[in-house]
Structures are given as C-alpha cells and as structure tokens.
Amino acid sequence: MSQDASQSRRHPNVPSVDQSDRTVPANLRQTGPTPVQMLVSTRVRKSPFWHLSVEAGAWRATVYNRMYHPRGYARPEDGGAMAEYRALVNRVTLWNVAVERQIRVKGPQAEDFVNFVITRDATRIKPMHGKYCILCNERGGILNDPVLLRLAQDEFWFSISDSDLMLWLQGVNTPRGWEVEIDEIDVAPLQVQGPLSEDLMADVVGDEVREIPYYGLLETEIDGCPVVVSQTGFSGEKGYEVYVRNAHETAEQVWYAIRGVGARYGLRVIAPAHHRRIAAGILSWGQDMDAETSPFQVNLAYQVPRKKTADYIGKAALERQRDLIDAGGYPFRLKMVGLKMGGQPITDYAPDFWLIADGDGRRCGYVTSPWWSPELDTNIALGFVPWEKTEIGTALRVELPERYREASGEPVDAIVSEVPFVPSAHPSARERARERGRDSTE
C-alpha cells in the first residue's frame, strides 16, 4: 500500500496533533453524530426533577455525574438551542442542574481538610459565602472545578462538575484521618438565570435576595420548603442557584413555585446554556479540561495563588509549572485559546473535537467548545493550539463538518481572539486582574 493510501485510511482517532505530554490523548475522534437511543435504566440515577423536566418538554439528555441530564427542551423545528439562548439573554430561565451533586465535608477539621484539597485559600471563604475553585492531583491536573459553598465554620458543600469527587475526597482522608464526615447529601440544585432573575427571585423569596453579594448565600424557604440560594450560575448572565434541601420530598413544590411566579416574567425551562458560557469563557470539565490538564493551560492561573503558604495537593507541581512560564518557557504542548471562525452558524452541540490547522494546513490542535454568537455574528470556540500559536490575532484554520463549511471540503478561517468573547455579568478574577494590569493570584 502506498504512503498516500495509508494516510487516507488512517483512523480518525489518531490525528497528527502533538499530545505527547499526555498519557491518554484527548479523543479527536472526528466520526460524526451518534444516532442512537440512550437507555434510561435504574443503573444511572434520575434526579428528583427528572419527571418535571420531561413534563416541561425535555426531548434529549446526556449523562453527567452518572445522572441523566436534560439537554434540550425547544425542538429544532421550534428554534432549538438558539430559542433557549434568546430566552436566557432577554428574559429568565429555569434549569434542572441536579447533576451538580452536593458533597458535604463537615466536622471540626473541615477547613483544614478543604484547604488541603483545593488550590485556593479556604481560610478566606467566610461562612455563608462560596468560591469557584479547582482540585488538582499531585501532577497539577484538574480533577474537578466545583462551586465551593461554606454553610458554616465547620461545613462545606462541593457543588461538583462531572467527576466522582466524593470517592477521591474519602480516599484522601483515609491515611491522614481529618476529623470530618464526607458524604453526599439530599440537596438538588436548580438555576434561575437571565436578566430578570433578580426580580423573579425577589418575588419568590423576598427582597433580601437583592442583597446577596456575588457568591453570597441565603438560607430561606420557597413555598415552605428549605433552600439555600446563591448568586452564582453557569451562564455569564445575572443569575441564582437554588439548592433544594430534602429534595426527594420537596423538589416538586419548589419547582412549581418558581414556575408559577416565573410565568409573570416569561420564564422558560431550558437546558444549561453552553452557548452563553462559551461566550463568557466559562469552562466545562471533561470537555475543555480533565485530569491531565493544568490550570495554566486553560486560563485558570488565578486559581493557583502565590500567597497561599499552606500545603495542598498539587502545589509543588503547579509552582514548578508557573516558574517555568515566568522564565519564558512552555511547560505543555498545547494551550487553550479563544477563536472567532467562519463557517455556517453552529447552533447545536458539537459531537466531536474538531481539528485545527495552521496556515500551512498542518493539523496542530483541536476545538473543545464551539457555538454561534448572535452578538458577534460569527462562530466562536475554545480550543487547544501549540503554545507558540496563542498570540491574539494568529491566523488558523478549523476543519468543521461539511454542513458547517463555507466551501465543500475546505477548512474555515479562524483567528485567535480575546476571551471572554461577550462580557459576563460578573467578570472573573482573571478578567478583573487584566483590567487592573497585574497578576490575579491571591
């Protein structure tokens, strides 16, 4: 067989993108959609909101944290995901995010334990406040990026992303034996997101919700059911999360109470807004990063504080990585960038990690999260490229599926761009530091 024939038949799982610094390369499978029906059985958990999501029109789902997760309510013939997007950015929306399972660490040594497993300084989180944080392994790879809520001096909740953090936390505690309990609790979150969310939530729980600072918490009730409300969310818009206590008993009551009041605001039940979070530069664990990804590869350097003196898992590896970067080195093959790119509007989830090529047509990276931005009138994406190709303005090409290409068989033009693409209601520490012109680490 000739070399050309061999290359043409090369399996798409093995593209020529240098990932030699990873043990398991990201799956650049390039094999298209998955037209199969997902089995809904008892082996994977349904949340206490599952039947309510189905009632609200959920027609597709994925699996997240071993739970079924609704990922579409508006059908394609009714505008699909972009109809949900318009509801989010113009009005207010309700999301079933019970897949953010709540792992509680409680006990006299809770603060010491939490401070050892997160990179940020847990001692700086006051009771009834929270922080976005990351947990790393000893090599500095990101294991999870939860919102960490501190309910009391001796009680923390990890509102986790898509990896089984509870088992890892219990494993960390086994040899050293901090005086803490680590368990999953019967709390299921909802998100209320969009520019009208504050007014809606004030109608639901009272005007005191207007006084909650960003990442602040409020203990309250909805229709007599106990909840914790935080001013947080995954959208980049103004929004809140409602952590429903005793969710197996109270889920329906809270859901219908929010929907009842929300009807006056044009509330729409939608799937988590990946289109908007991409525009805001918010990352998705398992899609944009994993246990082999360093925070320095994905614009999370602000999560690795220079001033935290206490030891934590991954500290030595992360400090070595930062020292190399400070000296002008490249500790990784690839780094995440934002891309503005051509092509037909991408208005639904990408089933694959689409390949990125340089100006000479050599494959060098891959897209993790693409979508269409109505505000910018262009496709946008997060993706990984070689470190030396990360400068703003660098011209690249992206191998989109045929249905999104401008010319058959031809990649579309792309350019490395600033992230966020569209400002958030609450800029991240990294964005605020950039505006101040200095390092953002604590």
Protein backbone atom coordinates (compact mmCIF):
# COMPACT_ATOMS: atom_id res chain seq x y z
CA MET A 1 0.00 0.00 0.00
CA SER A 2 1.35 3.43 -0.91
CA GLN A 3 2.02 6.03 1.78
CA ASP A 4 -0.75 8.27 0.37
CA ALA A 5 -3.25 5.40 0.53
CA SER A 6 -2.14 4.55 4.05
CA GLN A 7 -2.60 8.16 5.18
CA SER A 8 -6.06 8.38 3.58
CA ARG A 9 -7.17 5.30 5.55
CA ARG A 10 -5.61 6.39 8.82
CA HIS A 11 -8.09 6.04 11.65
CA PRO A 12 -9.51 9.45 12.63
CA ASN A 13 -8.75 8.74 16.30
CA VAL A 14 -5.05 9.27 15.53
CA PRO A 15 -4.58 12.74 14.03
CA SER A 16 -1.19 14.40 13.80
CA VAL A 17 -1.69 16.66 16.82
CA ASP A 18 1.19 16.56 19.29
CA GLN A 19 -0.14 15.37 22.64
CA SER A 20 3.00 13.53 23.69
CA ASP A 21 2.91 15.13 27.14
CA ARG A 22 -0.39 13.35 27.92
CA THR A 23 -0.82 9.74 28.95
CA VAL A 24 -4.21 9.49 27.22
CA PRO A 25 -4.59 11.92 24.28
CA ALA A 26 -7.88 13.76 24.03
CA ASN A 27 -10.21 11.74 21.82
CA LEU A 28 -10.02 13.52 18.47
CA ARG A 29 -12.41 11.02 17.02
CA GLN A 30 -13.90 13.04 14.10
CA THR A 31 -16.56 10.40 13.49
CA GLY A 32 -19.74 12.45 13.40
CA PRO A 33 -23.10 12.21 15.21
CA THR A 34 -24.33 9.37 17.40
CA PRO A 35 -27.83 8.46 16.15
CA VAL A 36 -28.76 6.03 18.91
CA GLN A 37 -31.35 5.99 21.65
CA MET A 38 -29.97 6.31 25.16
CA LEU A 39 -31.22 3.66 27.57
CA VAL A 40 -32.85 5.12 30.68
CA SER A 41 -32.49 2.49 33.41
CA THR A 42 -32.01 2.33 37.17
CA ARG A 43 -28.23 1.93 36.79
CA VAL A 44 -27.96 5.67 36.12
CA ARG A 45 -29.71 7.98 38.56
CA LYS A 46 -32.63 10.22 37.70
CA SER A 47 -32.83 13.42 39.70
CA PRO A 48 -35.91 14.46 41.69
CA PHE A 49 -36.56 16.97 38.88
CA TRP A 50 -36.31 14.42 36.05
CA HIS A 51 -40.03 13.83 35.62
CA LEU A 52 -40.63 17.57 35.88
CA SER A 53 -38.14 18.20 33.07
CA VAL A 54 -39.89 15.61 30.91
CA GLU A 55 -43.20 17.30 31.71
CA ALA A 56 -41.64 20.63 30.65
CA GLY A 57 -40.74 19.17 27.26
CA ALA A 58 -37.22 17.75 27.62
CA TRP A 59 -36.63 15.66 24.49
CA ARG A 60 -32.96 14.70 24.84
CA ALA A 61 -30.46 14.15 27.62
CA THR A 62 -26.88 13.26 28.36
CA VAL A 63 -25.23 11.57 31.34
CA TYR A 64 -23.36 13.75 33.84
CA ASN A 65 -22.08 12.53 37.21
CA ARG A 66 -23.87 9.24 36.49
CA MET A 67 -27.20 11.05 36.31
CA TYR A 68 -29.47 11.81 33.37
CA HIS A 69 -29.16 15.47 32.43
CA PRO A 70 -31.77 17.20 30.20
CA ARG A 71 -30.03 18.93 27.27
CA GLY A 72 -32.85 20.19 25.11
CA TYR A 73 -36.42 21.46 25.51
CA ALA A 74 -37.08 23.56 22.40
CA ARG A 75 -37.15 21.16 19.46
CA PRO A 76 -35.24 22.02 16.27
CA GLU A 77 -38.44 22.92 14.42
CA ASP A 78 -39.22 25.41 17.20
CA GLY A 79 -35.83 27.12 17.15
CA GLY A 80 -33.84 24.56 19.13
CA ALA A 81 -30.98 25.65 21.35
CA MET A 82 -30.93 29.18 19.95
CA ALA A 83 -34.54 29.73 21.03
CA GLU A 84 -33.43 28.77 24.53
CA TYR A 85 -30.49 31.17 24.18
CA ARG A 86 -32.81 34.07 23.39
CA ALA A 87 -34.90 33.31 26.46
CA LEU A 88 -31.76 33.36 28.61
CA VAL A 89 -30.26 36.63 27.38
CA ASN A 90 -33.55 38.52 27.13
CA ARG A 91 -35.72 37.22 29.97
CA VAL A 92 -35.25 34.50 32.57
CA THR A 93 -34.82 30.72 32.51
CA LEU A 94 -35.02 27.72 34.83
CA TRP A 95 -32.51 24.85 34.63
CA ASN A 96 -32.53 21.38 36.14
CA VAL A 97 -28.91 21.03 37.34
CA ALA A 98 -29.38 18.34 39.97
CA VAL A 99 -26.41 16.60 38.33
CA GLU A 100 -24.27 19.04 40.33
CA ARG A 101 -24.24 16.53 43.16
CA GLN A 102 -23.58 18.02 46.59
CA ILE A 103 -20.66 16.53 48.51
CA ARG A 104 -20.54 17.74 52.11
CA VAL A 105 -17.40 17.97 54.23
CA LYS A 106 -18.41 18.61 57.83
CA GLY A 107 -16.56 18.47 61.14
CA PRO A 108 -14.11 20.23 63.43
CA GLN A 109 -11.27 19.96 60.89
CA ALA A 110 -13.33 20.73 57.78
CA GLU A 111 -11.46 23.93 56.98
CA ASP A 112 -8.03 22.26 57.24
CA PHE A 113 -9.14 19.37 55.06
CA VAL A 114 -10.73 21.58 52.40
CA ASN A 115 -7.67 23.83 52.38
CA PHE A 116 -5.52 20.78 51.62
CA VAL A 117 -7.57 19.64 48.61
CA ILE A 118 -8.29 22.96 46.84
CA THR A 119 -5.68 25.25 45.32
CA ARG A 120 -7.30 28.45 46.62
CA ASP A 121 -7.15 29.50 50.25
CA ALA A 122 -10.18 28.05 52.04
CA THR A 123 -9.50 30.15 55.14
CA ARG A 124 -10.51 33.22 53.13
CA ILE A 125 -14.01 31.89 52.45
CA LYS A 126 -16.37 33.22 55.09
CA PRO A 127 -19.42 31.28 56.30
CA MET A 128 -22.44 31.83 54.03
CA HIS A 129 -20.16 32.58 51.07
CA GLY A 130 -18.73 30.50 48.25
CA LYS A 131 -15.98 30.42 45.64
CA TYR A 132 -15.34 28.81 42.31
CA CYS A 133 -12.35 26.56 42.90
CA ILE A 134 -10.35 23.68 41.46
CA LEU A 135 -8.93 20.50 42.95
CA CYS A 136 -5.78 19.02 41.41
CA ASN A 137 -3.87 15.77 41.59
CA GLU A 138 -0.19 15.63 42.53
CA ARG A 139 0.84 16.38 38.93
CA GLY A 140 -1.30 19.52 38.83
CA GLY A 141 -4.07 18.02 36.69
CA ILE A 142 -7.57 19.37 37.32
CA LEU A 143 -9.79 16.73 38.96
CA ASN A 144 -12.89 18.88 39.38
CA ASP A 145 -13.89 22.55 39.33
CA PRO A 146 -16.84 22.90 41.72
CA VAL A 147 -18.50 25.86 43.29
CA LEU A 148 -17.50 25.51 46.94
CA LEU A 149 -20.13 26.72 49.41
CA ARG A 150 -19.30 27.35 53.05
CA LEU A 151 -22.50 26.95 55.02
CA ALA A 152 -20.85 27.24 58.44
CA GLN A 153 -17.45 27.36 60.08
CA ASP A 154 -17.38 23.55 60.07
CA GLU A 155 -19.41 22.76 56.93
CA PHE A 156 -18.57 22.97 53.21
CA TRP A 157 -20.53 21.78 50.17
CA PHE A 158 -18.76 20.91 46.93
CA SER A 159 -21.23 21.51 44.08
CA ILE A 160 -19.32 19.29 41.71
CA SER A 161 -18.72 19.12 37.99
CA ASP A 162 -18.56 15.88 36.06
CA SER A 163 -16.20 13.62 38.02
CA ASP A 164 -16.73 11.46 41.08
CA LEU A 165 -15.19 13.75 43.67
CA MET A 166 -16.70 12.13 46.76
CA LEU A 167 -14.72 8.91 46.39
CA TRP A 168 -11.50 10.87 45.85
CA LEU A 169 -12.10 13.05 48.91
CA GLN A 170 -12.79 9.99 51.02
CA GLY A 171 -9.60 8.40 49.70
CA VAL A 172 -7.54 11.49 50.55
CA ASN A 173 -8.89 11.41 54.10
CA THR A 174 -8.21 7.71 54.67
CA PRO A 175 -4.47 7.81 55.53
CA ARG A 176 -4.42 11.08 57.49
CA GLY A 177 -7.82 10.94 59.13
CA TRP A 178 -9.03 14.53 59.44
CA GLU A 179 -11.93 14.76 61.86
CA VAL A 180 -14.59 15.24 59.19
CA GLU A 181 -17.53 13.46 57.60
CA ILE A 182 -17.53 13.27 53.80
CA ASP A 183 -20.80 12.29 52.17
CA GLU A 184 -23.37 13.14 49.52
CA ILE A 185 -26.41 14.95 50.85
CA ASP A 186 -30.03 15.12 49.73
CA VAL A 187 -29.71 18.53 48.11
CA ALA A 188 -30.54 19.14 44.44
CA PRO A 189 -29.85 22.50 42.75
CA LEU A 190 -31.82 24.46 40.20
CA GLN A 191 -30.54 27.51 38.36
CA VAL A 192 -32.56 30.65 37.65
CA GLN A 193 -30.61 32.61 35.05
CA GLY A 194 -31.17 35.71 32.95
CA PRO A 195 -31.56 39.50 33.25
CA LEU A 196 -34.95 39.18 35.00
CA SER A 197 -33.71 36.63 37.54
CA GLU A 198 -33.30 39.08 40.41
CA ASP A 199 -36.84 40.39 40.15
CA LEU A 200 -38.24 36.87 39.86
CA MET A 201 -36.27 35.60 42.87
CA ALA A 202 -37.32 38.65 44.92
CA ASP A 203 -40.93 37.71 44.21
CA VAL A 204 -40.23 34.11 45.21
CA VAL A 205 -38.20 34.58 48.45
CA GLY A 206 -38.38 38.30 49.25
CA ASP A 207 -36.29 41.40 48.63
CA GLU A 208 -33.46 40.16 50.86
CA VAL A 209 -32.26 38.18 47.85
CA ARG A 210 -31.30 41.52 46.25
CA GLU A 211 -28.69 42.00 48.97
CA ILE A 212 -26.84 38.73 48.33
CA PRO A 213 -23.35 39.54 47.00
CA TYR A 214 -21.84 37.54 44.16
CA TYR A 215 -21.11 34.09 45.63
CA GLY A 216 -23.07 35.02 48.74
CA LEU A 217 -25.57 32.59 50.28
CA LEU A 218 -29.02 32.95 51.79
CA GLU A 219 -30.90 30.39 53.90
CA THR A 220 -34.59 30.77 53.13
CA GLU A 221 -37.76 28.90 52.11
CA ILE A 222 -39.72 28.54 48.91
CA ASP A 223 -43.36 27.63 49.47
CA GLY A 224 -42.43 26.38 52.94
CA CYS A 225 -39.54 24.23 51.71
CA PRO A 226 -35.98 24.89 52.98
CA VAL A 227 -33.48 26.06 50.35
CA VAL A 228 -30.11 27.76 50.10
CA VAL A 229 -29.90 30.48 47.44
CA SER A 230 -26.59 31.66 46.00
CA GLN A 231 -25.88 34.35 43.44
CA THR A 232 -24.00 32.09 41.06
CA GLY A 233 -24.52 30.31 37.76
CA PHE A 234 -23.06 28.76 34.63
CA SER A 235 -24.35 31.28 32.13
CA GLY A 236 -22.40 34.55 32.25
CA GLU A 237 -25.76 36.28 32.82
CA LYS A 238 -27.16 37.51 36.14
CA GLY A 239 -28.49 34.50 37.99
CA TYR A 240 -29.01 32.38 41.07
CA GLU A 241 -28.76 28.77 42.15
CA VAL A 242 -31.42 27.31 44.40
CA TYR A 243 -30.15 24.37 46.47
CA VAL A 244 -33.25 22.42 47.44
CA ARG A 245 -32.87 20.62 50.77
CA ASN A 246 -34.62 17.28 51.35
CA ALA A 247 -35.03 17.24 47.60
CA HIS A 248 -36.62 13.80 47.40
CA GLU A 249 -39.60 15.28 49.28
CA THR A 250 -39.64 18.95 48.24
CA ALA A 251 -38.48 19.04 44.59
CA GLU A 252 -41.94 19.31 43.03
CA GLN A 253 -43.12 22.00 45.42
CA VAL A 254 -40.10 24.23 44.79
CA TRP A 255 -40.15 23.65 41.02
CA TYR A 256 -43.82 24.57 40.65
CA ALA A 257 -43.48 27.57 42.97
CA ILE A 258 -40.69 29.04 40.82
CA ARG A 259 -42.52 28.25 37.59
CA GLY A 260 -45.74 29.75 38.92
CA VAL A 261 -44.15 33.09 39.80
CA GLY A 262 -41.93 32.90 36.72
CA ALA A 263 -44.92 32.85 34.38
CA ARG A 264 -45.28 36.60 35.00
CA TYR A 265 -41.70 37.09 33.74
CA GLY A 266 -41.90 34.86 30.70
CA LEU A 267 -39.83 32.15 32.41
CA ARG A 268 -38.75 29.31 30.14
CA VAL A 269 -37.34 25.95 31.21
CA ILE A 270 -34.15 25.36 29.21
CA ALA A 271 -31.03 23.22 29.16
CA PRO A 272 -27.78 24.58 30.65
CA ALA A 273 -26.66 27.33 28.30
CA HIS A 274 -23.39 26.14 26.81
CA HIS A 275 -23.75 28.69 24.00
CA ARG A 276 -23.66 31.54 26.55
CA ARG A 277 -21.00 30.04 28.82
CA ILE A 278 -18.65 29.68 25.82
CA ALA A 279 -19.16 33.37 25.02
CA ALA A 280 -18.32 34.15 28.66
CA GLY A 281 -15.24 31.91 28.61
CA ILE A 282 -16.65 29.58 31.29
CA LEU A 283 -15.08 26.13 31.10
CA SER A 284 -16.77 22.73 31.18
CA TRP A 285 -14.88 19.91 32.93
CA GLY A 286 -14.50 16.86 30.71
CA GLN A 287 -14.95 18.99 27.61
CA ASP A 288 -12.43 21.82 27.98
CA MET A 289 -10.23 20.22 30.64
CA ASP A 290 -9.65 16.98 32.50
CA ALA A 291 -7.31 15.31 35.00
CA GLU A 292 -4.37 15.75 32.61
CA THR A 293 -4.97 19.47 32.09
CA SER A 294 -3.08 22.08 34.12
CA PRO A 295 -4.83 25.29 35.19
CA PHE A 296 -2.04 27.16 33.38
CA GLN A 297 -3.21 25.63 30.10
CA VAL A 298 -6.79 26.87 30.40
CA ASN A 299 -6.56 30.44 31.72
CA LEU A 300 -7.04 29.39 35.35
CA ALA A 301 -3.71 30.65 36.66
CA TYR A 302 -5.63 32.86 39.09
CA GLN A 303 -6.74 29.65 40.82
CA VAL A 304 -3.11 28.99 41.87
CA PRO A 305 -2.37 31.68 44.49
CA ARG A 306 1.20 32.79 45.06
CA LYS A 307 0.42 33.77 48.65
CA LYS A 308 -1.08 30.53 49.93
CA THR A 309 1.53 29.21 52.34
CA ALA A 310 -0.35 26.10 53.42
CA ASP A 311 0.41 22.86 51.59
CA TYR A 312 -2.16 21.43 49.20
CA ILE A 313 -2.33 18.57 46.72
CA GLY A 314 -0.52 19.52 43.51
CA LYS A 315 1.23 22.58 44.96
CA ALA A 316 4.79 21.50 44.13
CA ALA A 317 3.95 20.58 40.54
CA LEU A 318 1.94 23.76 39.95
CA GLU A 319 4.66 26.00 41.33
CA ARG A 320 7.23 24.32 39.06
CA GLN A 321 4.95 24.93 36.08
CA ARG A 322 4.48 28.59 36.98
CA ASP A 323 8.23 29.12 37.50
CA LEU A 324 8.88 27.76 34.01
CA ILE A 325 6.22 30.02 32.49
CA ASP A 326 7.60 33.03 34.39
CA ALA A 327 11.00 32.23 32.87
CA GLY A 328 9.53 32.27 29.37
CA GLY A 329 9.20 28.51 28.93
CA TYR A 330 6.39 26.34 27.57
CA PRO A 331 5.60 23.55 30.06
CA PHE A 332 2.91 21.99 27.82
CA ARG A 333 2.47 21.14 24.16
CA LEU A 334 -0.91 22.87 23.88
CA LYS A 335 -2.69 25.82 25.47
CA MET A 336 -6.32 26.94 25.33
CA VAL A 337 -7.28 29.95 23.25
CA GLY A 338 -10.44 31.65 22.07
CA LEU A 339 -11.24 31.52 18.36
CA LYS A 340 -13.51 33.50 16.09
CA MET A 341 -14.10 31.42 12.98
CA GLY A 342 -16.03 31.33 9.76
CA GLY A 343 -18.49 28.78 8.51
CA GLN A 344 -22.24 28.35 8.71
CA PRO A 345 -23.73 29.07 12.16
CA ILE A 346 -23.06 26.31 14.68
CA THR A 347 -26.32 26.24 16.61
CA ASP A 348 -26.12 22.94 18.49
CA TYR A 349 -23.70 20.82 20.49
CA ALA A 350 -20.61 19.58 18.67
CA PRO A 351 -20.35 15.76 18.76
CA ASP A 352 -16.58 15.77 18.17
CA PHE A 353 -13.37 17.66 18.89
CA TRP A 354 -12.87 19.33 15.52
CA LEU A 355 -9.29 19.74 14.29
CA ILE A 356 -7.36 23.00 13.99
CA ALA A 357 -4.66 23.50 11.34
CA ASP A 358 -2.01 26.17 10.97
CA GLY A 359 -1.59 28.46 7.98
CA ASP A 360 0.27 25.74 6.07
CA GLY A 361 -2.51 23.22 6.59
CA ARG A 362 -0.73 21.16 9.25
CA ARG A 363 -3.07 19.83 11.95
CA CYS A 364 -1.87 21.25 15.25
CA GLY A 365 -4.80 21.45 17.70
CA TYR A 366 -8.46 20.86 18.30
CA VAL A 367 -11.68 22.68 19.23
CA THR A 368 -13.35 21.74 22.50
CA SER A 369 -16.39 24.06 22.67
CA PRO A 370 -17.81 25.81 19.56
CA TRP A 371 -21.06 27.75 19.07
CA TRP A 372 -22.60 30.61 17.14
CA SER A 373 -22.59 34.07 18.74
CA PRO A 374 -25.54 36.21 17.61
CA GLU A 375 -23.98 39.28 19.27
CA LEU A 376 -20.75 38.94 17.28
CA ASP A 377 -22.37 37.48 14.15
CA THR A 378 -19.73 34.77 13.95
CA ASN A 379 -18.87 31.33 15.23
CA ILE A 380 -16.77 31.29 18.39
CA ALA A 381 -14.90 28.49 20.09
CA LEU A 382 -12.50 27.43 22.80
CA GLY A 383 -9.70 25.18 21.63
CA PHE A 384 -6.15 23.97 22.16
CA VAL A 385 -3.23 25.01 19.95
CA PRO A 386 0.57 24.91 20.34
CA TRP A 387 1.87 27.43 22.85
CA GLU A 388 3.66 29.46 20.14
CA LYS A 389 0.37 29.94 18.24
CA THR A 390 -1.57 31.51 21.10
CA GLU A 391 -0.91 35.19 20.35
CA ILE A 392 -4.05 37.25 19.74
CA GLY A 393 -4.52 37.67 16.01
CA THR A 394 -2.84 34.42 14.96
CA ALA A 395 -4.49 33.05 11.81
CA LEU A 396 -5.56 29.41 11.85
CA ARG A 397 -7.96 27.06 10.03
CA VAL A 398 -10.64 24.79 11.51
CA GLU A 399 -11.86 21.56 9.90
CA LEU A 400 -15.58 21.87 10.51
CA PRO A 401 -18.06 19.17 9.45
CA GLU A 402 -19.30 19.53 5.91
CA ARG A 403 -22.65 21.04 6.91
CA TYR A 404 -20.89 23.98 8.56
CA ARG A 405 -18.27 24.67 5.86
CA GLU A 406 -18.42 27.63 3.52
CA ALA A 407 -16.91 25.62 0.65
CA SER A 408 -17.11 21.86 0.32
CA GLY A 409 -14.01 20.10 1.63
CA GLU A 410 -12.34 23.31 2.77
CA PRO A 411 -11.49 24.32 6.36
CA VAL A 412 -12.78 27.69 7.53
CA ASP A 413 -10.63 30.63 8.55
CA ALA A 414 -10.17 31.30 12.27
CA ILE A 415 -8.32 33.86 14.36
CA VAL A 416 -7.10 33.69 17.96
CA SER A 417 -9.24 36.13 19.96
CA GLU A 418 -9.69 37.57 23.43
CA VAL A 419 -11.77 35.61 25.95
CA PRO A 420 -14.43 36.32 27.09
CA PHE A 421 -16.00 36.98 23.72
CA VAL A 422 -19.05 38.58 25.36
CA PRO A 423 -18.68 40.13 28.83
CA SER A 424 -20.16 38.39 31.85
CA ALA A 425 -22.50 39.92 34.40
CA HIS A 426 -19.76 39.05 36.91
CA PRO A 427 -16.22 39.17 35.46
CA SER A 428 -13.85 36.51 36.77
CA ALA A 429 -10.84 37.30 38.91
CA ARG A 430 -8.68 36.83 35.82
CA GLU A 431 -10.70 39.38 33.84
CA ARG A 432 -10.66 41.92 36.68
CA ALA A 433 -6.92 41.50 37.11
CA ARG A 434 -6.35 42.03 33.39
CA GLU A 435 -8.27 45.30 33.63
CA ARG A 436 -6.05 46.34 36.54
CA GLY A 437 -2.96 45.27 34.62
CA ARG A 438 -1.48 42.95 37.22
CA ASP A 439 -1.26 39.32 38.34
CA SER A 440 -4.58 37.98 39.59
CA THR A 441 -3.31 35.35 42.01
CA GLU A 442 -4.07 35.79 45.67
